Amino acid sequence: MKLSPQTAPAEPDDLLIRFHNQVGAAVDVTGTISRARWSCHGCGEVHSDYSLRVTREDVSEHAAACRAAYHRLNR
């Protein structure tokens, strides 16, 4: 089976920002300004319950470093 990056998964209703990692997999920031959560569709890493400012810095660093192409989230 060939795995390709999850570049355009369905957008959650509470999507705030979508980043892309080094290979194009989406990294979604969801939630609210006071309680945001991010999840990487490349490697599956998830972080939650931070302000949007802190989350944005964290997810930006992750997206810049992550090279994973595919992870089945919600499994």
PDB file of N, CA and C in Angstrom:
ATOM      1  N   MET A   1       0.839  -1.162   0.000  1.00  0.00           N
ATOM      2  CA  MET A   1       0.000   0.000   0.000  1.00  0.00           C
ATOM      3  C   MET A   1       0.894   1.238   0.000  1.00  0.00           C
ATOM      4  N   LYS A   2       0.609   2.174  -0.897  1.00  0.00           N
ATOM      5  CA  LYS A   2       1.355   3.421  -0.939  1.00  0.00           C
ATOM      6  C   LYS A   2       0.691   4.424  -0.013  1.00  0.00           C
ATOM      7  N   LEU A   3       1.494   5.051   0.832  1.00  0.00           N
ATOM      8  CA  LEU A   3       0.979   6.067   1.736  1.00  0.00           C
ATOM      9  C   LEU A   3       1.416   7.432   1.241  1.00  0.00           C
ATOM     10  N   SER A   4       0.483   8.337   1.140  1.00  0.00           N
ATOM     11  CA  SER A   4       0.819   9.692   0.735  1.00  0.00           C
ATOM     12  C   SER A   4       0.371  10.661   1.819  1.00  0.00           C
ATOM     13  N   PRO A   5       0.969  11.848   1.866  1.00  0.00           N
ATOM     14  CA  PRO A   5       0.640  12.783   2.938  1.00  0.00           C
ATOM     15  C   PRO A   5      -0.842  13.134   2.979  1.00  0.00           C
ATOM     16  N   GLN A   6      -1.338  13.292   4.193  1.00  0.00           N
ATOM     17  CA  GLN A   6      -2.710  13.753   4.411  1.00  0.00           C
ATOM     18  C   GLN A   6      -2.693  15.277   4.286  1.00  0.00           C
ATOM     19  N   THR A   7      -2.646  15.774   3.055  1.00  0.00           N
ATOM     20  CA  THR A   7      -2.495  17.208   2.838  1.00  0.00           C
ATOM     21  C   THR A   7      -3.798  17.977   2.970  1.00  0.00           C
ATOM     22  N   ALA A   8      -4.922  17.322   2.736  1.00  0.00           N
ATOM     23  CA  ALA A   8      -6.206  18.024   2.782  1.00  0.00           C
ATOM     24  C   ALA A   8      -7.296  17.180   3.425  1.00  0.00           C
ATOM     25  N   PRO A   9      -7.090  16.764   4.689  1.00  0.00           N
ATOM     26  CA  PRO A   9      -8.166  16.030   5.359  1.00  0.00           C
ATOM     27  C   PRO A   9      -9.365  16.953   5.571  1.00  0.00           C
ATOM     28  N   ALA A  10     -10.505  16.368   5.852  1.00  0.00           N
ATOM     29  CA  ALA A  10     -11.714  17.168   6.104  1.00  0.00           C
ATOM     30  C   ALA A  10     -11.438  18.185   7.208  1.00  0.00           C
ATOM     31  N   GLU A  11     -11.965  19.386   7.030  1.00  0.00           N
ATOM     32  CA  GLU A  11     -11.751  20.437   8.022  1.00  0.00           C
ATOM     33  C   GLU A  11     -12.758  20.313   9.158  1.00  0.00           C
ATOM     34  N   PRO A  12     -12.269  20.195  10.404  1.00  0.00           N
ATOM     35  CA  PRO A  12     -13.185  20.164  11.539  1.00  0.00           C
ATOM     36  C   PRO A  12     -13.914  21.504  11.664  1.00  0.00           C
ATOM     37  N   ASP A  13     -15.096  21.495  12.269  1.00  0.00           N
ATOM     38  CA  ASP A  13     -15.880  22.721  12.440  1.00  0.00           C
ATOM     39  C   ASP A  13     -15.133  23.783  13.247  1.00  0.00           C
ATOM     40  N   ASP A  14     -14.293  23.340  14.189  1.00  0.00           N
ATOM     41  CA  ASP A  14     -13.595  24.293  15.055  1.00  0.00           C
ATOM     42  C   ASP A  14     -12.143  24.535  14.623  1.00  0.00           C
ATOM     43  N   LEU A  15     -11.840  24.314  13.336  1.00  0.00           N
ATOM     44  CA  LEU A  15     -10.483  24.537  12.820  1.00  0.00           C
ATOM     45  C   LEU A  15     -10.125  26.015  12.916  1.00  0.00           C
ATOM     46  N   LEU A  16      -8.985  26.307  13.545  1.00  0.00           N
ATOM     47  CA  LEU A  16      -8.503  27.678  13.668  1.00  0.00           C
ATOM     48  C   LEU A  16      -7.388  27.963  12.666  1.00  0.00           C
ATOM     49  N   ILE A  17      -6.437  27.037  12.544  1.00  0.00           N
ATOM     50  CA  ILE A  17      -5.278  27.208  11.664  1.00  0.00           C
ATOM     51  C   ILE A  17      -4.895  25.840  11.113  1.00  0.00           C
ATOM     52  N   ARG A  18      -4.428  25.801   9.879  1.00  0.00           N
ATOM     53  CA  ARG A  18      -3.881  24.559   9.318  1.00  0.00           C
ATOM     54  C   ARG A  18      -2.454  24.840   8.842  1.00  0.00           C
ATOM     55  N   PHE A  19      -1.507  24.122   9.425  1.00  0.00           N
ATOM     56  CA  PHE A  19      -0.109  24.168   9.002  1.00  0.00           C
ATOM     57  C   PHE A  19       0.146  22.932   8.151  1.00  0.00           C
ATOM     58  N   HIS A  20       1.289  22.858   7.507  1.00  0.00           N
ATOM     59  CA  HIS A  20       1.720  21.653   6.800  1.00  0.00           C
ATOM     60  C   HIS A  20       3.152  21.345   7.207  1.00  0.00           C
ATOM     61  N   ASN A  21       3.435  20.049   7.422  1.00  0.00           N
ATOM     62  CA  ASN A  21       4.783  19.665   7.824  1.00  0.00           C
ATOM     63  C   ASN A  21       5.710  19.610   6.608  1.00  0.00           C
ATOM     64  N   GLN A  22       6.927  19.118   6.792  1.00  0.00           N
ATOM     65  CA  GLN A  22       7.934  19.121   5.728  1.00  0.00           C
ATOM     66  C   GLN A  22       7.524  18.348   4.484  1.00  0.00           C
ATOM     67  N   VAL A  23       6.684  17.333   4.633  1.00  0.00           N
ATOM     68  CA  VAL A  23       6.271  16.540   3.466  1.00  0.00           C
ATOM     69  C   VAL A  23       4.839  16.852   3.035  1.00  0.00           C
ATOM     70  N   GLY A  24       4.239  17.868   3.645  1.00  0.00           N
ATOM     71  CA  GLY A  24       2.920  18.313   3.216  1.00  0.00           C
ATOM     72  C   GLY A  24       1.751  17.807   4.028  1.00  0.00           C
ATOM     73  N   ALA A  25       1.982  16.961   5.030  1.00  0.00           N
ATOM     74  CA  ALA A  25       0.876  16.473   5.855  1.00  0.00           C
ATOM     75  C   ALA A  25       0.311  17.626   6.689  1.00  0.00           C
ATOM     76  N   ALA A  26      -1.001  17.668   6.812  1.00  0.00           N
ATOM     77  CA  ALA A  26      -1.665  18.741   7.553  1.00  0.00           C
ATOM     78  C   ALA A  26      -1.425  18.600   9.054  1.00  0.00           C
ATOM     79  N   VAL A  27      -1.284  19.749   9.700  1.00  0.00           N
ATOM     80  CA  VAL A  27      -1.207  19.833  11.153  1.00  0.00           C
ATOM     81  C   VAL A  27      -2.271  20.849  11.552  1.00  0.00           C
ATOM     82  N   ASP A  28      -3.356  20.366  12.164  1.00  0.00           N
ATOM     83  CA  ASP A  28      -4.524  21.197  12.448  1.00  0.00           C
ATOM     84  C   ASP A  28      -4.522  21.740  13.867  1.00  0.00           C
ATOM     85  N   VAL A  29      -4.872  23.015  13.993  1.00  0.00           N
ATOM     86  CA  VAL A  29      -5.104  23.649  15.288  1.00  0.00           C
ATOM     87  C   VAL A  29      -6.607  23.861  15.396  1.00  0.00           C
ATOM     88  N   THR A  30      -7.211  23.283  16.426  1.00  0.00           N
ATOM     89  CA  THR A  30      -8.652  23.374  16.626  1.00  0.00           C
ATOM     90  C   THR A  30      -8.948  23.908  18.023  1.00  0.00           C
ATOM     91  N   GLY A  31     -10.202  24.239  18.268  1.00  0.00           N
ATOM     92  CA  GLY A  31     -10.618  24.672  19.595  1.00  0.00           C
ATOM     93  C   GLY A  31     -11.003  26.129  19.628  1.00  0.00           C
ATOM     94  N   THR A  32     -10.568  26.811  20.699  1.00  0.00           N
ATOM     95  CA  THR A  32     -10.871  28.228  20.890  1.00  0.00           C
ATOM     96  C   THR A  32      -9.571  28.980  21.164  1.00  0.00           C
ATOM     97  N   ILE A  33      -9.664  30.293  21.203  1.00  0.00           N
ATOM     98  CA  ILE A  33      -8.469  31.102  21.461  1.00  0.00           C
ATOM     99  C   ILE A  33      -7.878  30.788  22.829  1.00  0.00           C
ATOM    100  N   SER A  34      -8.714  30.512  23.821  1.00  0.00           N
ATOM    101  CA  SER A  34      -8.204  30.238  25.166  1.00  0.00           C
ATOM    102  C   SER A  34      -7.839  28.773  25.393  1.00  0.00           C
ATOM    103  N   ARG A  35      -8.406  27.863  24.602  1.00  0.00           N
ATOM    104  CA  ARG A  35      -8.099  26.426  24.745  1.00  0.00           C
ATOM    105  C   ARG A  35      -7.977  25.799  23.372  1.00  0.00           C
ATOM    106  N   ALA A  36      -6.766  25.774  22.866  1.00  0.00           N
ATOM    107  CA  ALA A  36      -6.525  25.225  21.537  1.00  0.00           C
ATOM    108  C   ALA A  36      -5.836  23.867  21.642  1.00  0.00           C
ATOM    109  N   ARG A  37      -5.954  23.095  20.569  1.00  0.00           N
ATOM    110  CA  ARG A  37      -5.383  21.742  20.502  1.00  0.00           C
ATOM    111  C   ARG A  37      -4.814  21.582  19.105  1.00  0.00           C
ATOM    112  N   TRP A  38      -3.657  20.915  18.977  1.00  0.00           N
ATOM    113  CA  TRP A  38      -3.173  20.628  17.633  1.00  0.00           C
ATOM    114  C   TRP A  38      -2.948  19.144  17.456  1.00  0.00           C
ATOM    115  N   SER A  39      -3.128  18.685  16.222  1.00  0.00           N
ATOM    116  CA  SER A  39      -2.915  17.276  15.888  1.00  0.00           C
ATOM    117  C   SER A  39      -2.265  17.193  14.515  1.00  0.00           C
ATOM    118  N   CYS A  40      -1.243  16.348  14.424  1.00  0.00           N
ATOM    119  CA  CYS A  40      -0.488  16.179  13.186  1.00  0.00           C
ATOM    120  C   CYS A  40      -1.020  14.967  12.432  1.00  0.00           C
ATOM    121  N   HIS A  41      -1.443  15.177  11.196  1.00  0.00           N
ATOM    122  CA  HIS A  41      -1.920  14.078  10.363  1.00  0.00           C
ATOM    123  C   HIS A  41      -0.759  13.287   9.771  1.00  0.00           C
ATOM    124  N   GLY A  42       0.470  13.717  10.041  1.00  0.00           N
ATOM    125  CA  GLY A  42       1.650  12.993   9.579  1.00  0.00           C
ATOM    126  C   GLY A  42       2.095  11.952  10.587  1.00  0.00           C
ATOM    127  N   CYS A  43       2.362  12.383  11.825  1.00  0.00           N
ATOM    128  CA  CYS A  43       2.901  11.456  12.829  1.00  0.00           C
ATOM    129  C   CYS A  43       1.902  11.087  13.917  1.00  0.00           C
ATOM    130  N   GLY A  44       0.814  11.841  14.025  1.00  0.00           N
ATOM    131  CA  GLY A  44      -0.201  11.542  15.030  1.00  0.00           C
ATOM    132  C   GLY A  44      -0.006  12.232  16.359  1.00  0.00           C
ATOM    133  N   GLU A  45       1.046  13.026  16.499  1.00  0.00           N
ATOM    134  CA  GLU A  45       1.270  13.730  17.761  1.00  0.00           C
ATOM    135  C   GLU A  45       0.139  14.721  18.010  1.00  0.00           C
ATOM    136  N   VAL A  46      -0.268  14.832  19.285  1.00  0.00           N
ATOM    137  CA  VAL A  46      -1.367  15.714  19.677  1.00  0.00           C
ATOM    138  C   VAL A  46      -0.968  16.453  20.952  1.00  0.00           C
ATOM    139  N   HIS A  47      -1.249  17.747  20.996  1.00  0.00           N
ATOM    140  CA  HIS A  47      -1.053  18.549  22.204  1.00  0.00           C
ATOM    141  C   HIS A  47      -2.317  19.362  22.418  1.00  0.00           C
ATOM    142  N   SER A  48      -2.728  19.546  23.677  1.00  0.00           N
ATOM    143  CA  SER A  48      -3.978  20.269  23.911  1.00  0.00           C
ATOM    144  C   SER A  48      -3.943  21.122  25.162  1.00  0.00           C
ATOM    145  N   ASP A  49      -4.982  21.955  25.270  1.00  0.00           N
ATOM    146  CA  ASP A  49      -5.265  22.796  26.433  1.00  0.00           C
ATOM    147  C   ASP A  49      -4.248  23.900  26.683  1.00  0.00           C
ATOM    148  N   TYR A  50      -3.859  24.578  25.624  1.00  0.00           N
ATOM    149  CA  TYR A  50      -3.010  25.756  25.747  1.00  0.00           C
ATOM    150  C   TYR A  50      -3.706  26.917  25.043  1.00  0.00           C
ATOM    151  N   SER A  51      -3.267  28.134  25.327  1.00  0.00           N
ATOM    152  CA  SER A  51      -3.816  29.286  24.604  1.00  0.00           C
ATOM    153  C   SER A  51      -3.396  29.197  23.138  1.00  0.00           C
ATOM    154  N   LEU A  52      -4.112  29.883  22.276  1.00  0.00           N
ATOM    155  CA  LEU A  52      -3.787  29.851  20.850  1.00  0.00           C
ATOM    156  C   LEU A  52      -2.376  30.371  20.594  1.00  0.00           C
ATOM    157  N   ARG A  53      -1.939  31.384  21.321  1.00  0.00           N
ATOM    158  CA  ARG A  53      -0.591  31.925  21.132  1.00  0.00           C
ATOM    159  C   ARG A  53       0.470  30.862  21.391  1.00  0.00           C
ATOM    160  N   VAL A  54       0.361  30.156  22.511  1.00  0.00           N
ATOM    161  CA  VAL A  54       1.319  29.099  22.849  1.00  0.00           C
ATOM    162  C   VAL A  54       1.207  27.953  21.851  1.00  0.00           C
ATOM    163  N   THR A  55      -0.013  27.576  21.509  1.00  0.00           N
ATOM    164  CA  THR A  55      -0.239  26.480  20.566  1.00  0.00           C
ATOM    165  C   THR A  55       0.352  26.805  19.205  1.00  0.00           C
ATOM    166  N   ARG A  56       0.178  28.025  18.735  1.00  0.00           N
ATOM    167  CA  ARG A  56       0.692  28.421  17.418  1.00  0.00           C
ATOM    168  C   ARG A  56       2.216  28.297  17.372  1.00  0.00           C
ATOM    169  N   GLU A  57       2.903  28.710  18.427  1.00  0.00           N
ATOM    170  CA  GLU A  57       4.363  28.590  18.477  1.00  0.00           C
ATOM    171  C   GLU A  57       4.778  27.120  18.473  1.00  0.00           C
ATOM    172  N   ASP A  58       4.098  26.306  19.276  1.00  0.00           N
ATOM    173  CA  ASP A  58       4.412  24.880  19.393  1.00  0.00           C
ATOM    174  C   ASP A  58       4.186  24.145  18.073  1.00  0.00           C
ATOM    175  N   VAL A  59       3.043  24.375  17.441  1.00  0.00           N
ATOM    176  CA  VAL A  59       2.720  23.666  16.200  1.00  0.00           C
ATOM    177  C   VAL A  59       3.621  24.129  15.060  1.00  0.00           C
ATOM    178  N   SER A  60       4.013  25.389  15.066  1.00  0.00           N
ATOM    179  CA  SER A  60       4.917  25.885  14.032  1.00  0.00           C
ATOM    180  C   SER A  60       6.263  25.168  14.112  1.00  0.00           C
ATOM    181  N   GLU A  61       6.788  25.004  15.320  1.00  0.00           N
ATOM    182  CA  GLU A  61       8.044  24.266  15.511  1.00  0.00           C
ATOM    183  C   GLU A  61       7.881  22.811  15.082  1.00  0.00           C
ATOM    184  N   HIS A  62       6.757  22.200  15.446  1.00  0.00           N
ATOM    185  CA  HIS A  62       6.529  20.799  15.081  1.00  0.00           C
ATOM    186  C   HIS A  62       6.459  20.641  13.567  1.00  0.00           C
ATOM    187  N   ALA A  63       5.674  21.482  12.910  1.00  0.00           N
ATOM    188  CA  ALA A  63       5.514  21.379  11.457  1.00  0.00           C
ATOM    189  C   ALA A  63       6.845  21.565  10.734  1.00  0.00           C
ATOM    190  N   ALA A  64       7.701  22.432  11.253  1.00  0.00           N
ATOM    191  CA  ALA A  64       9.003  22.672  10.627  1.00  0.00           C
ATOM    192  C   ALA A  64       9.932  21.467  10.756  1.00  0.00           C
ATOM    193  N   ALA A  65       9.735  20.646  11.782  1.00  0.00           N
ATOM    194  CA  ALA A  65      10.634  19.517  12.022  1.00  0.00           C
ATOM    195  C   ALA A  65      10.076  18.162  11.584  1.00  0.00           C
ATOM    196  N   CYS A  66       8.762  17.997  11.548  1.00  0.00           N
ATOM    197  CA  CYS A  66       8.139  16.690  11.294  1.00  0.00           C
ATOM    198  C   CYS A  66       8.262  16.282   9.825  1.00  0.00           C
ATOM    199  N   ARG A  67       8.690  15.035   9.611  1.00  0.00           N
ATOM    200  CA  ARG A  67       8.819  14.497   8.255  1.00  0.00           C
ATOM    201  C   ARG A  67       7.900  13.295   8.032  1.00  0.00           C
ATOM    202  N   ALA A  68       6.981  13.055   8.955  1.00  0.00           N
ATOM    203  CA  ALA A  68       6.073  11.916   8.810  1.00  0.00           C
ATOM    204  C   ALA A  68       5.002  12.235   7.770  1.00  0.00           C
ATOM    205  N   ALA A  69       4.661  11.231   6.973  1.00  0.00           N
ATOM    206  CA  ALA A  69       3.731  11.461   5.871  1.00  0.00           C
ATOM    207  C   ALA A  69       2.300  11.033   6.169  1.00  0.00           C
ATOM    208  N   TYR A  70       2.102  10.060   7.037  1.00  0.00           N
ATOM    209  CA  TYR A  70       0.748   9.528   7.166  1.00  0.00           C
ATOM    210  C   TYR A  70       0.555   8.889   8.527  1.00  0.00           C
ATOM    211  N   HIS A  71      -0.539   9.225   9.150  1.00  0.00           N
ATOM    212  CA  HIS A  71      -0.922   8.589  10.411  1.00  0.00           C
ATOM    213  C   HIS A  71      -2.437   8.499  10.420  1.00  0.00           C
ATOM    214  N   ARG A  72      -2.946   7.378  10.817  1.00  0.00           N
ATOM    215  CA  ARG A  72      -4.404   7.218  10.899  1.00  0.00           C
ATOM    216  C   ARG A  72      -4.871   7.750  12.241  1.00  0.00           C
ATOM    217  N   LEU A  73      -5.372   8.971  12.229  1.00  0.00           N
ATOM    218  CA  LEU A  73      -5.876   9.585  13.454  1.00  0.00           C
ATOM    219  C   LEU A  73      -7.209   8.954  13.827  1.00  0.00           C
ATOM    220  N   ASN A  74      -7.548   9.049  15.087  1.00  0.00           N
ATOM    221  CA  ASN A  74      -8.820   8.526  15.606  1.00  0.00           C
ATOM    222  C   ASN A  74      -8.942   7.021  15.442  1.00  0.00           C
ATOM    223  N   ARG A  75      -7.868   6.286  15.604  1.00  0.00           N
ATOM    224  CA  ARG A  75      -7.928   4.829  15.529  1.00  0.00           C
ATOM    225  C   ARG A  75      -7.751   4.258  16.886  1.00  0.00           C
TER     226      ARG A  75
END
